[in-house]
Amino acid sequence: MKIFMVRHGETDSNAIKRLMGQRCDDTLNDEGRRQAKELNENIAEMMFDVVFSSPLKRASETAEIIAQKRNLPVILRDELKERDYGSLSGKTHQEADAFTKGKWAELRALDLNQKYDYHPYGGESAEDVKERLLKFIDEIKREYASKRVLVVAHAGILRLSHLLFREVKVSHIDHASIEEFEI
C-alpha cells in the first residue's frame, strides 16, 4: 500500500529555528501559506480518498489547504503530532545548547539518527514516537488499504517514515514537500 506524506508549511518559529515539537502550536506564516498553496497547485492532478493530519495548527492548516480543493474533510490524529521536546520546546538551538549545558549538538545527532530521548526534559523518546506512528500505520493498512491516503505531519514523523519504510536516514525535510511511501 502507498501513502503520501506532506510536511507542513513554514511558521515564524521554523524561520528562526525554534524547537516547536508538540507544545508550540504556531499557525503558518505568510510563506508557509504560500508554500502550502504552491504544493496544492503542484499536486492538483493527484486525487486522495482521505486526508489525515496532525492536530497541530501548522499541519492542520496545511491539510485544509490541500483538502478544501478536493472537497475532503481532514481527520485529525494525535499519533501524527511532532515529537515532544519537553522543556526544550520553544527554545532556539542556541537556547537549547545553553539549557543542556552544551549537549545540544549531541542531542541533535541522536535526533537525526532516531535515537533521541527527551524523557530527561519531560518529552518523548524515539521509541515513543515510533510506537504511536506504527499504531496509526497499522490502522491505515487495515481500514484504508484500497484508498489513496494523504497524511500531513511534521519533519520528525517524515524522517522516521524514511527510516522505517525506506531504511534511509534523512536530515532535512523541506516545508510543504510531499513524499510517497510504500507501507
N, C-alpha and C. Protein backbone atom coordinates (compact mmCIF):
# COMPACT_ATOMS: atom_id res chain seq x y z
N MET A 1 0.84 -1.18 0.00
CA MET A 1 0.00 0.00 0.00
C MET A 1 0.89 1.24 0.00
N LYS A 2 0.46 2.25 -0.74
CA LYS A 2 1.19 3.51 -0.79
C LYS A 2 0.42 4.58 -0.02
N ILE A 3 1.17 5.42 0.68
CA ILE A 3 0.58 6.62 1.28
C ILE A 3 1.46 7.80 0.88
N PHE A 4 0.85 8.97 0.88
CA PHE A 4 1.57 10.20 0.57
C PHE A 4 1.65 11.01 1.86
N MET A 5 2.83 11.52 2.14
CA MET A 5 3.04 12.29 3.37
C MET A 5 3.59 13.67 3.01
N VAL A 6 3.05 14.68 3.68
CA VAL A 6 3.43 16.07 3.46
C VAL A 6 3.91 16.66 4.78
N ARG A 7 4.99 17.43 4.70
CA ARG A 7 5.39 18.23 5.85
C ARG A 7 4.65 19.56 5.76
N HIS A 8 4.21 20.07 6.89
CA HIS A 8 3.50 21.35 6.94
C HIS A 8 4.35 22.48 6.38
N GLY A 9 3.69 23.60 6.07
CA GLY A 9 4.38 24.80 5.63
C GLY A 9 5.10 25.48 6.79
N GLU A 10 5.84 26.52 6.45
CA GLU A 10 6.69 27.21 7.43
C GLU A 10 5.88 28.03 8.43
N THR A 11 6.43 28.14 9.65
CA THR A 11 5.89 29.01 10.70
C THR A 11 6.97 30.03 11.06
N ASP A 12 6.60 31.04 11.82
CA ASP A 12 7.60 32.01 12.28
C ASP A 12 8.66 31.32 13.13
N SER A 13 8.26 30.36 13.97
CA SER A 13 9.23 29.64 14.79
C SER A 13 10.19 28.82 13.94
N ASN A 14 9.67 28.19 12.88
CA ASN A 14 10.57 27.46 11.97
C ASN A 14 11.61 28.40 11.37
N ALA A 15 11.17 29.59 10.99
CA ALA A 15 12.05 30.54 10.31
C ALA A 15 13.24 30.95 11.18
N ILE A 16 13.05 30.96 12.51
CA ILE A 16 14.17 31.34 13.40
C ILE A 16 14.77 30.12 14.10
N LYS A 17 14.45 28.94 13.61
CA LYS A 17 15.00 27.69 14.14
C LYS A 17 14.69 27.48 15.62
N ARG A 18 13.43 27.71 15.96
CA ARG A 18 12.95 27.48 17.31
C ARG A 18 12.37 26.06 17.36
N LEU A 19 12.73 25.29 18.39
CA LEU A 19 12.20 23.94 18.56
C LEU A 19 10.72 24.03 18.89
N MET A 20 9.90 23.42 18.09
CA MET A 20 8.47 23.51 18.32
C MET A 20 7.94 22.27 19.01
N GLY A 21 8.18 21.11 18.40
CA GLY A 21 7.60 19.90 18.97
C GLY A 21 6.10 20.02 19.01
N GLN A 22 5.49 19.35 19.98
CA GLN A 22 4.03 19.39 20.05
C GLN A 22 3.50 20.39 21.07
N ARG A 23 4.39 21.06 21.79
CA ARG A 23 3.93 22.03 22.79
C ARG A 23 3.76 23.43 22.22
N CYS A 24 4.35 23.71 21.09
CA CYS A 24 4.22 25.01 20.43
C CYS A 24 3.26 24.84 19.26
N ASP A 25 2.20 25.60 19.26
CA ASP A 25 1.15 25.38 18.26
C ASP A 25 0.98 26.61 17.36
N ASP A 26 2.05 26.97 16.68
CA ASP A 26 2.03 28.12 15.77
C ASP A 26 1.18 27.82 14.53
N THR A 27 0.62 28.87 13.98
CA THR A 27 -0.04 28.77 12.68
C THR A 27 1.02 29.00 11.60
N LEU A 28 0.65 28.76 10.37
CA LEU A 28 1.55 29.03 9.25
C LEU A 28 1.78 30.54 9.15
N ASN A 29 2.97 30.93 8.73
CA ASN A 29 3.20 32.33 8.41
C ASN A 29 2.84 32.54 6.93
N ASP A 30 3.02 33.75 6.43
CA ASP A 30 2.67 34.02 5.02
C ASP A 30 3.42 33.10 4.07
N GLU A 31 4.70 32.88 4.34
CA GLU A 31 5.50 32.00 3.49
C GLU A 31 4.96 30.56 3.56
N GLY A 32 4.58 30.12 4.74
CA GLY A 32 4.03 28.77 4.90
C GLY A 32 2.73 28.58 4.16
N ARG A 33 1.86 29.60 4.18
CA ARG A 33 0.61 29.52 3.42
C ARG A 33 0.90 29.50 1.92
N ARG A 34 1.88 30.31 1.50
CA ARG A 34 2.27 30.32 0.09
C ARG A 34 2.81 28.94 -0.31
N GLN A 35 3.64 28.35 0.54
CA GLN A 35 4.21 27.03 0.26
C GLN A 35 3.11 25.97 0.13
N ALA A 36 2.15 26.01 1.05
CA ALA A 36 1.06 25.02 1.02
C ALA A 36 0.20 25.18 -0.23
N LYS A 37 -0.07 26.43 -0.60
CA LYS A 37 -0.87 26.67 -1.82
C LYS A 37 -0.10 26.23 -3.07
N GLU A 38 1.20 26.50 -3.09
CA GLU A 38 2.02 26.08 -4.23
C GLU A 38 2.07 24.56 -4.33
N LEU A 39 2.24 23.89 -3.21
CA LEU A 39 2.22 22.42 -3.21
C LEU A 39 0.88 21.93 -3.74
N ASN A 40 -0.20 22.52 -3.27
CA ASN A 40 -1.54 22.11 -3.71
C ASN A 40 -1.68 22.27 -5.23
N GLU A 41 -1.15 23.35 -5.77
CA GLU A 41 -1.19 23.54 -7.23
C GLU A 41 -0.36 22.48 -7.94
N ASN A 42 0.81 22.16 -7.37
CA ASN A 42 1.71 21.18 -7.99
C ASN A 42 1.15 19.76 -7.97
N ILE A 43 0.28 19.48 -7.02
CA ILE A 43 -0.30 18.13 -6.93
C ILE A 43 -1.79 18.14 -7.28
N ALA A 44 -2.21 19.16 -8.00
CA ALA A 44 -3.64 19.33 -8.34
C ALA A 44 -4.23 18.11 -9.02
N GLU A 45 -3.44 17.39 -9.80
CA GLU A 45 -3.93 16.21 -10.51
C GLU A 45 -4.01 14.97 -9.62
N MET A 46 -3.41 15.04 -8.45
CA MET A 46 -3.42 13.88 -7.55
C MET A 46 -4.74 13.84 -6.78
N MET A 47 -5.38 12.71 -6.81
CA MET A 47 -6.62 12.54 -6.07
C MET A 47 -6.36 11.71 -4.82
N PHE A 48 -7.05 12.06 -3.76
CA PHE A 48 -6.95 11.33 -2.50
C PHE A 48 -8.35 10.97 -2.05
N ASP A 49 -8.46 9.87 -1.34
CA ASP A 49 -9.75 9.45 -0.78
C ASP A 49 -9.92 9.94 0.65
N VAL A 50 -8.81 10.12 1.34
CA VAL A 50 -8.86 10.50 2.74
C VAL A 50 -7.62 11.32 3.08
N VAL A 51 -7.82 12.34 3.94
CA VAL A 51 -6.72 13.20 4.38
C VAL A 51 -6.66 13.15 5.90
N PHE A 52 -5.50 12.74 6.41
CA PHE A 52 -5.23 12.74 7.84
C PHE A 52 -4.23 13.83 8.14
N SER A 53 -4.32 14.38 9.36
CA SER A 53 -3.37 15.42 9.75
C SER A 53 -3.11 15.36 11.24
N SER A 54 -1.92 15.81 11.59
CA SER A 54 -1.63 16.13 12.98
C SER A 54 -2.61 17.24 13.38
N PRO A 55 -3.05 17.26 14.64
CA PRO A 55 -3.95 18.34 15.06
C PRO A 55 -3.25 19.67 15.31
N LEU A 56 -1.93 19.69 15.28
CA LEU A 56 -1.22 20.95 15.48
C LEU A 56 -1.53 21.90 14.32
N LYS A 57 -1.73 23.17 14.64
CA LYS A 57 -2.24 24.14 13.66
C LYS A 57 -1.44 24.20 12.37
N ARG A 58 -0.12 24.15 12.47
CA ARG A 58 0.71 24.27 11.27
C ARG A 58 0.45 23.14 10.29
N ALA A 59 0.17 21.94 10.82
CA ALA A 59 -0.13 20.79 9.95
C ALA A 59 -1.59 20.83 9.49
N SER A 60 -2.51 21.07 10.42
CA SER A 60 -3.93 21.04 10.03
C SER A 60 -4.27 22.16 9.06
N GLU A 61 -3.61 23.30 9.19
CA GLU A 61 -3.84 24.40 8.24
C GLU A 61 -3.34 24.01 6.84
N THR A 62 -2.18 23.36 6.79
CA THR A 62 -1.65 22.87 5.51
C THR A 62 -2.61 21.84 4.92
N ALA A 63 -3.09 20.93 5.75
CA ALA A 63 -4.02 19.88 5.29
C ALA A 63 -5.31 20.49 4.75
N GLU A 64 -5.82 21.50 5.42
CA GLU A 64 -7.06 22.15 4.97
C GLU A 64 -6.90 22.77 3.58
N ILE A 65 -5.74 23.38 3.34
CA ILE A 65 -5.49 23.99 2.03
C ILE A 65 -5.54 22.93 0.94
N ILE A 66 -4.99 21.75 1.22
CA ILE A 66 -4.98 20.67 0.24
C ILE A 66 -6.35 20.00 0.12
N ALA A 67 -6.99 19.75 1.24
CA ALA A 67 -8.26 19.02 1.25
C ALA A 67 -9.42 19.84 0.70
N GLN A 68 -9.39 21.15 0.91
CA GLN A 68 -10.50 22.02 0.52
C GLN A 68 -10.80 21.91 -0.97
N LYS A 69 -9.78 21.94 -1.80
CA LYS A 69 -9.98 21.87 -3.26
C LYS A 69 -10.53 20.51 -3.69
N ARG A 70 -10.36 19.52 -2.83
CA ARG A 70 -10.80 18.17 -3.16
C ARG A 70 -12.11 17.81 -2.46
N ASN A 71 -12.67 18.77 -1.75
CA ASN A 71 -13.92 18.55 -1.03
C ASN A 71 -13.84 17.40 -0.03
N LEU A 72 -12.70 17.30 0.66
CA LEU A 72 -12.50 16.23 1.63
C LEU A 72 -12.37 16.81 3.03
N PRO A 73 -12.89 16.10 4.02
CA PRO A 73 -12.66 16.53 5.40
C PRO A 73 -11.23 16.16 5.80
N VAL A 74 -10.72 16.83 6.80
CA VAL A 74 -9.42 16.49 7.37
C VAL A 74 -9.66 15.76 8.69
N ILE A 75 -9.10 14.58 8.80
CA ILE A 75 -9.24 13.78 10.02
C ILE A 75 -7.99 14.00 10.87
N LEU A 76 -8.18 14.59 12.05
CA LEU A 76 -7.06 14.91 12.94
C LEU A 76 -6.70 13.70 13.79
N ARG A 77 -5.41 13.41 13.85
CA ARG A 77 -4.92 12.25 14.61
C ARG A 77 -3.71 12.64 15.47
N ASP A 78 -3.84 12.40 16.77
CA ASP A 78 -2.76 12.71 17.70
C ASP A 78 -1.47 11.94 17.40
N GLU A 79 -1.60 10.75 16.82
CA GLU A 79 -0.41 9.93 16.52
C GLU A 79 0.53 10.63 15.55
N LEU A 80 0.04 11.64 14.85
CA LEU A 80 0.83 12.33 13.83
C LEU A 80 1.51 13.60 14.35
N LYS A 81 1.34 13.90 15.64
CA LYS A 81 2.00 15.07 16.21
C LYS A 81 3.51 14.93 16.13
N GLU A 82 4.18 16.08 16.10
CA GLU A 82 5.64 16.10 16.18
C GLU A 82 6.05 15.55 17.54
N ARG A 83 7.30 15.14 17.65
CA ARG A 83 7.78 14.64 18.95
C ARG A 83 7.67 15.74 19.99
N ASP A 84 7.65 15.34 21.25
CA ASP A 84 7.58 16.27 22.37
C ASP A 84 9.01 16.50 22.88
N TYR A 85 9.49 17.72 22.74
CA TYR A 85 10.83 18.07 23.21
C TYR A 85 10.86 18.38 24.70
N GLY A 86 9.72 18.32 25.37
CA GLY A 86 9.68 18.63 26.79
C GLY A 86 10.04 20.08 27.03
N SER A 87 10.87 20.32 28.05
CA SER A 87 11.22 21.69 28.43
C SER A 87 12.12 22.39 27.41
N LEU A 88 12.57 21.67 26.39
CA LEU A 88 13.33 22.32 25.30
C LEU A 88 12.40 22.98 24.28
N SER A 89 11.11 22.65 24.34
CA SER A 89 10.14 23.23 23.41
C SER A 89 10.15 24.75 23.52
N GLY A 90 10.11 25.40 22.38
CA GLY A 90 10.06 26.85 22.34
C GLY A 90 11.42 27.52 22.38
N LYS A 91 12.48 26.74 22.55
CA LYS A 91 13.82 27.31 22.61
C LYS A 91 14.47 27.29 21.22
N THR A 92 15.29 28.30 20.95
CA THR A 92 16.09 28.27 19.73
C THR A 92 17.20 27.24 19.94
N HIS A 93 17.90 26.90 18.88
CA HIS A 93 19.01 25.94 19.01
C HIS A 93 20.06 26.46 19.99
N GLN A 94 20.34 27.76 19.94
CA GLN A 94 21.32 28.37 20.85
C GLN A 94 20.83 28.28 22.30
N GLU A 95 19.55 28.57 22.52
CA GLU A 95 18.99 28.47 23.88
C GLU A 95 18.98 27.03 24.36
N ALA A 96 18.69 26.09 23.46
CA ALA A 96 18.70 24.67 23.83
C ALA A 96 20.10 24.23 24.22
N ASP A 97 21.12 24.74 23.52
CA ASP A 97 22.50 24.39 23.84
C ASP A 97 22.87 24.90 25.24
N ALA A 98 22.47 26.12 25.56
CA ALA A 98 22.75 26.67 26.89
C ALA A 98 21.98 25.88 27.96
N PHE A 99 20.72 25.56 27.68
CA PHE A 99 19.87 24.84 28.64
C PHE A 99 20.41 23.44 28.93
N THR A 100 20.98 22.79 27.91
CA THR A 100 21.51 21.42 28.07
C THR A 100 22.99 21.42 28.41
N LYS A 101 23.52 22.59 28.75
CA LYS A 101 24.93 22.73 29.12
C LYS A 101 25.86 22.20 28.04
N GLY A 102 25.60 22.64 26.80
CA GLY A 102 26.47 22.30 25.68
C GLY A 102 26.23 20.95 25.04
N LYS A 103 25.14 20.29 25.39
CA LYS A 103 24.87 18.95 24.84
C LYS A 103 23.92 18.95 23.65
N TRP A 104 23.54 20.14 23.17
CA TRP A 104 22.55 20.19 22.10
C TRP A 104 23.04 19.50 20.82
N ALA A 105 24.30 19.69 20.44
CA ALA A 105 24.83 19.05 19.22
C ALA A 105 24.73 17.53 19.34
N GLU A 106 25.04 17.01 20.51
CA GLU A 106 24.94 15.56 20.74
C GLU A 106 23.48 15.09 20.65
N LEU A 107 22.57 15.84 21.27
CA LEU A 107 21.15 15.51 21.19
C LEU A 107 20.65 15.58 19.76
N ARG A 108 21.08 16.58 19.03
CA ARG A 108 20.65 16.76 17.63
C ARG A 108 21.13 15.58 16.77
N ALA A 109 22.36 15.12 17.00
CA ALA A 109 22.87 13.96 16.25
C ALA A 109 22.04 12.72 16.56
N LEU A 110 21.69 12.54 17.83
CA LEU A 110 20.83 11.41 18.21
C LEU A 110 19.45 11.56 17.57
N ASP A 111 18.98 12.80 17.52
CA ASP A 111 17.68 13.10 16.93
C ASP A 111 17.65 12.67 15.46
N LEU A 112 18.66 13.03 14.71
CA LEU A 112 18.70 12.72 13.28
C LEU A 112 18.86 11.22 13.03
N ASN A 113 19.39 10.50 14.00
CA ASN A 113 19.56 9.05 13.87
C ASN A 113 18.41 8.27 14.52
N GLN A 114 17.35 8.98 14.92
CA GLN A 114 16.18 8.36 15.54
C GLN A 114 16.55 7.59 16.81
N LYS A 115 17.49 8.12 17.57
CA LYS A 115 17.90 7.51 18.83
C LYS A 115 17.76 8.51 19.99
N TYR A 116 17.00 9.55 19.77
CA TYR A 116 16.86 10.59 20.78
C TYR A 116 16.00 10.12 21.96
N ASP A 117 16.20 10.81 23.07
CA ASP A 117 15.38 10.56 24.26
C ASP A 117 15.24 11.89 25.00
N TYR A 118 14.06 12.48 24.89
CA TYR A 118 13.80 13.74 25.58
C TYR A 118 13.09 13.53 26.91
N HIS A 119 13.06 12.27 27.40
CA HIS A 119 12.48 11.99 28.72
C HIS A 119 13.12 12.84 29.83
N PRO A 120 14.46 13.03 29.83
CA PRO A 120 15.06 13.85 30.89
C PRO A 120 14.52 15.29 30.92
N TYR A 121 13.94 15.72 29.82
CA TYR A 121 13.39 17.08 29.74
C TYR A 121 11.86 17.07 29.77
N GLY A 122 11.28 15.91 30.10
CA GLY A 122 9.82 15.79 30.17
C GLY A 122 9.17 15.53 28.82
N GLY A 123 9.96 15.11 27.84
CA GLY A 123 9.44 14.87 26.49
C GLY A 123 9.39 13.40 26.14
N GLU A 124 9.49 13.11 24.84
CA GLU A 124 9.36 11.75 24.32
C GLU A 124 10.70 11.19 23.85
N SER A 125 10.74 9.88 23.75
CA SER A 125 11.88 9.21 23.14
C SER A 125 11.51 8.84 21.70
N ALA A 126 12.53 8.43 20.94
CA ALA A 126 12.29 7.96 19.57
C ALA A 126 11.34 6.77 19.58
N GLU A 127 11.48 5.90 20.57
CA GLU A 127 10.61 4.72 20.66
C GLU A 127 9.15 5.12 20.89
N ASP A 128 8.92 6.15 21.71
CA ASP A 128 7.56 6.64 21.95
C ASP A 128 6.91 7.07 20.63
N VAL A 129 7.65 7.84 19.84
CA VAL A 129 7.12 8.36 18.58
C VAL A 129 6.92 7.22 17.59
N LYS A 130 7.88 6.32 17.52
CA LYS A 130 7.78 5.17 16.62
C LYS A 130 6.54 4.33 16.95
N GLU A 131 6.31 4.10 18.23
CA GLU A 131 5.16 3.30 18.66
C GLU A 131 3.84 3.92 18.21
N ARG A 132 3.71 5.23 18.40
CA ARG A 132 2.43 5.85 18.02
C ARG A 132 2.27 5.95 16.50
N LEU A 133 3.37 6.16 15.77
CA LEU A 133 3.28 6.20 14.31
C LEU A 133 2.91 4.83 13.77
N LEU A 134 3.54 3.78 14.27
CA LEU A 134 3.24 2.43 13.78
C LEU A 134 1.81 2.01 14.11
N LYS A 135 1.28 2.46 15.24
CA LYS A 135 -0.13 2.20 15.58
C LYS A 135 -1.03 2.81 14.51
N PHE A 136 -0.75 4.04 14.13
CA PHE A 136 -1.51 4.73 13.08
C PHE A 136 -1.37 3.99 11.75
N ILE A 137 -0.16 3.63 11.37
CA ILE A 137 0.10 2.95 10.09
C ILE A 137 -0.64 1.61 10.04
N ASP A 138 -0.62 0.87 11.13
CA ASP A 138 -1.35 -0.41 11.17
C ASP A 138 -2.83 -0.21 10.92
N GLU A 139 -3.40 0.83 11.50
CA GLU A 139 -4.82 1.13 11.29
C GLU A 139 -5.08 1.50 9.82
N ILE A 140 -4.21 2.31 9.25
CA ILE A 140 -4.35 2.71 7.84
C ILE A 140 -4.34 1.47 6.95
N LYS A 141 -3.42 0.57 7.21
CA LYS A 141 -3.30 -0.64 6.39
C LYS A 141 -4.56 -1.51 6.50
N ARG A 142 -5.14 -1.55 7.69
CA ARG A 142 -6.36 -2.35 7.90
C ARG A 142 -7.59 -1.70 7.28
N GLU A 143 -7.77 -0.42 7.53
CA GLU A 143 -9.04 0.23 7.19
C GLU A 143 -9.05 1.00 5.87
N TYR A 144 -7.88 1.29 5.32
CA TYR A 144 -7.82 2.12 4.12
C TYR A 144 -6.93 1.50 3.04
N ALA A 145 -6.79 0.20 3.04
CA ALA A 145 -5.85 -0.50 2.14
C ALA A 145 -6.09 -0.17 0.67
N SER A 146 -7.33 0.02 0.28
CA SER A 146 -7.62 0.27 -1.13
C SER A 146 -7.80 1.76 -1.44
N LYS A 147 -7.49 2.61 -0.48
CA LYS A 147 -7.70 4.06 -0.63
C LYS A 147 -6.39 4.79 -0.90
N ARG A 148 -6.52 5.98 -1.49
CA ARG A 148 -5.36 6.87 -1.66
C ARG A 148 -5.34 7.80 -0.45
N VAL A 149 -4.32 7.62 0.37
CA VAL A 149 -4.24 8.29 1.67
C VAL A 149 -3.18 9.39 1.64
N LEU A 150 -3.58 10.57 2.13
CA LEU A 150 -2.65 11.68 2.32
C LEU A 150 -2.53 11.94 3.81
N VAL A 151 -1.30 12.10 4.27
CA VAL A 151 -1.01 12.39 5.68
C VAL A 151 -0.21 13.68 5.73
N VAL A 152 -0.67 14.64 6.54
CA VAL A 152 0.08 15.88 6.73
C VAL A 152 0.60 15.89 8.16
N ALA A 153 1.92 16.00 8.27
CA ALA A 153 2.54 15.88 9.59
C ALA A 153 3.76 16.79 9.69
N HIS A 154 4.79 16.30 10.34
CA HIS A 154 5.95 17.11 10.73
C HIS A 154 7.25 16.44 10.29
N ALA A 155 8.33 17.22 10.32
CA ALA A 155 9.63 16.71 9.87
C ALA A 155 10.03 15.44 10.62
N GLY A 156 9.81 15.42 11.93
CA GLY A 156 10.19 14.24 12.72
C GLY A 156 9.45 12.99 12.28
N ILE A 157 8.17 13.13 11.96
CA ILE A 157 7.36 12.00 11.50
C ILE A 157 7.82 11.56 10.11
N LEU A 158 8.13 12.50 9.24
CA LEU A 158 8.61 12.14 7.90
C LEU A 158 10.00 11.51 7.95
N ARG A 159 10.90 12.05 8.80
CA ARG A 159 12.23 11.43 8.93
C ARG A 159 12.11 9.99 9.42
N LEU A 160 11.25 9.78 10.42
CA LEU A 160 11.03 8.43 10.93
C LEU A 160 10.44 7.53 9.85
N SER A 161 9.53 8.04 9.05
CA SER A 161 8.94 7.26 7.96
C SER A 161 10.00 6.86 6.94
N HIS A 162 10.92 7.76 6.64
CA HIS A 162 12.02 7.42 5.73
C HIS A 162 12.82 6.24 6.28
N LEU A 163 13.09 6.28 7.58
CA LEU A 163 13.88 5.22 8.20
C LEU A 163 13.10 3.90 8.24
N LEU A 164 11.82 3.97 8.60
CA LEU A 164 11.01 2.75 8.72
C LEU A 164 10.68 2.11 7.38
N PHE A 165 10.35 2.91 6.39
CA PHE A 165 9.81 2.37 5.14
C PHE A 165 10.80 2.37 3.98
N ARG A 166 11.90 3.11 4.13
CA ARG A 166 12.91 3.14 3.07
C ARG A 166 14.30 2.76 3.57
N GLU A 167 14.41 2.64 4.89
CA GLU A 167 15.69 2.35 5.54
C GLU A 167 16.76 3.36 5.15
N VAL A 168 16.36 4.63 5.12
CA VAL A 168 17.24 5.73 4.75
C VAL A 168 17.15 6.81 5.82
N LYS A 169 18.31 7.33 6.23
CA LYS A 169 18.34 8.46 7.16
C LYS A 169 18.28 9.75 6.36
N VAL A 170 17.38 10.62 6.74
CA VAL A 170 17.22 11.91 6.06
C VAL A 170 17.36 13.00 7.12
N SER A 171 18.23 13.96 6.86
CA SER A 171 18.45 15.00 7.86
C SER A 171 17.54 16.22 7.67
N HIS A 172 17.07 16.45 6.45
CA HIS A 172 16.26 17.64 6.21
C HIS A 172 15.03 17.29 5.37
N ILE A 173 13.90 17.82 5.79
CA ILE A 173 12.64 17.68 5.04
C ILE A 173 12.16 19.09 4.74
N ASP A 174 12.00 19.43 3.48
CA ASP A 174 11.52 20.76 3.11
C ASP A 174 10.09 20.98 3.59
N HIS A 175 9.79 22.24 3.91
CA HIS A 175 8.41 22.60 4.24
C HIS A 175 7.53 22.39 3.01
N ALA A 176 6.31 21.92 3.25
CA ALA A 176 5.31 21.73 2.19
C ALA A 176 5.86 20.87 1.05
N SER A 177 6.57 19.83 1.43
CA SER A 177 7.05 18.85 0.44
C SER A 177 6.24 17.57 0.60
N ILE A 178 6.15 16.79 -0.47
CA ILE A 178 5.37 15.56 -0.45
C ILE A 178 6.28 14.37 -0.75
N GLU A 179 6.03 13.28 -0.06
CA GLU A 179 6.78 12.03 -0.24
C GLU A 179 5.78 10.89 -0.38
N GLU A 180 6.14 9.91 -1.18
CA GLU A 180 5.33 8.70 -1.33
C GLU A 180 6.05 7.56 -0.64
N PHE A 181 5.32 6.82 0.19
CA PHE A 181 5.90 5.69 0.92
C PHE A 181 5.11 4.42 0.64
N GLU A 182 5.82 3.34 0.47
CA GLU A 182 5.23 2.00 0.41
C GLU A 182 5.24 1.48 1.84
N ILE A 183 4.05 1.20 2.39
CA ILE A 183 4.00 0.75 3.79
C ILE A 183 3.58 -0.71 3.89
